[in-house]
Amino acid sequence: MARKCTHPVGYIPPTVVHAKDWNKKLAQFVEKVFDFNIRGQRDQINHPGFITEFTFCPECGTPIDRAGLLTYPEAFDLHKAGLSKS
């Protein structure tokens, strides 16, 4: 019996992420990047890495429907908007 593909939608260091976890993991990553941008100006800290948003499933090659999934710029804008409200 063939295994059903779970279609990972992207890579956020250090793991491959599936659709159900994407928005939450992306928000956590954006928080790391925002912290890096502030603290990295005066402290030597490790770069958080880079994300990859998949267009096609790396396991089976099917095009990925990204409806409802945030992009990095959208997540960063939401993070900045949340900070300005506080």
Protein backbone atom coordinates (compact mmCIF):
# COMPACT_ATOMS: atom_id res chain seq x y z
CA MET A 1 0.00 0.00 0.00
CA ALA A 2 1.38 3.41 -0.95
CA ARG A 3 2.19 5.86 1.81
CA LYS A 4 0.13 9.07 1.69
CA CYS A 5 2.34 12.15 1.34
CA THR A 6 1.93 14.77 4.07
CA HIS A 7 3.23 17.57 1.79
CA PRO A 8 5.70 19.67 3.78
CA VAL A 9 5.20 23.35 2.89
CA GLY A 10 8.56 24.79 3.88
CA TYR A 11 11.77 24.67 5.85
CA ILE A 12 12.23 26.75 8.99
CA PRO A 13 15.56 26.01 10.67
CA PRO A 14 16.11 23.36 11.90
CA THR A 15 13.09 21.39 10.56
CA VAL A 16 10.81 20.80 7.60
CA VAL A 17 7.35 22.13 8.46
CA HIS A 18 3.89 20.91 7.41
CA ALA A 19 0.84 23.12 6.76
CA LYS A 20 -0.81 22.64 10.16
CA ASP A 21 2.27 24.03 11.96
CA TRP A 22 3.47 26.61 9.39
CA ASN A 23 1.91 29.83 10.71
CA LYS A 24 2.86 29.08 14.33
CA LYS A 25 6.46 28.12 13.50
CA LEU A 26 6.83 31.10 11.16
CA ALA A 27 5.65 33.47 13.91
CA GLN A 28 8.25 31.97 16.29
CA PHE A 29 10.96 32.34 13.64
CA VAL A 30 10.00 35.98 12.97
CA GLU A 31 10.35 36.64 16.71
CA LYS A 32 13.90 35.20 16.57
CA VAL A 33 14.77 37.35 13.54
CA PHE A 34 13.34 40.47 15.18
CA ASP A 35 15.41 39.78 18.30
CA PHE A 36 18.50 39.16 16.13
CA ASN A 37 17.97 42.48 14.32
CA ILE A 38 17.88 44.36 17.64
CA ARG A 39 20.46 42.49 19.74
CA GLY A 40 22.74 41.74 16.79
CA GLN A 41 23.62 45.41 16.51
CA ARG A 42 25.54 45.32 19.79
CA ASP A 43 26.06 41.65 20.70
CA GLN A 44 27.61 38.85 18.72
CA ILE A 45 24.82 36.29 18.38
CA ASN A 46 24.23 33.48 15.91
CA HIS A 47 22.22 34.21 12.77
CA PRO A 48 18.81 32.50 12.97
CA GLY A 49 19.06 31.10 9.43
CA PHE A 50 16.77 31.37 6.43
CA ILE A 51 13.35 29.94 5.62
CA THR A 52 12.36 28.22 2.41
CA GLU A 53 8.73 28.29 1.26
CA PHE A 54 8.16 25.29 -1.00
CA THR A 55 6.20 25.68 -4.24
CA PHE A 56 6.18 21.94 -4.89
CA CYS A 57 6.24 19.08 -2.41
CA PRO A 58 9.85 17.85 -2.09
CA GLU A 59 8.60 14.32 -1.38
CA CYS A 60 6.17 13.72 -4.26
CA GLY A 61 6.40 16.77 -6.56
CA THR A 62 2.77 17.88 -6.24
CA PRO A 63 2.17 21.66 -6.41
CA ILE A 64 1.43 23.03 -2.93
CA ASP A 65 -1.71 25.04 -2.25
CA ARG A 66 -0.49 27.83 0.06
CA ALA A 67 -3.96 29.30 0.73
CA GLY A 68 -4.17 30.28 4.40
CA LEU A 69 -0.41 30.08 4.92
CA LEU A 70 1.46 33.26 5.80
CA THR A 71 4.45 34.40 3.79
CA TYR A 72 7.52 35.75 5.59
CA PRO A 73 6.77 39.44 4.80
CA GLU A 74 3.17 39.05 6.01
CA ALA A 75 4.33 37.43 9.26
CA PHE A 76 6.94 40.14 9.84
CA ASP A 77 4.36 42.91 9.25
CA LEU A 78 1.94 41.21 11.68
CA HIS A 79 4.72 41.00 14.28
CA LYS A 80 5.57 44.71 13.91
CA ALA A 81 1.87 45.65 14.08
CA GLY A 82 1.49 43.64 17.29
CA LEU A 83 4.45 45.45 18.83
CA SER A 84 3.08 48.87 17.95
CA LYS A 85 -0.23 48.08 19.74
CA SER A 86 1.55 47.24 23.00
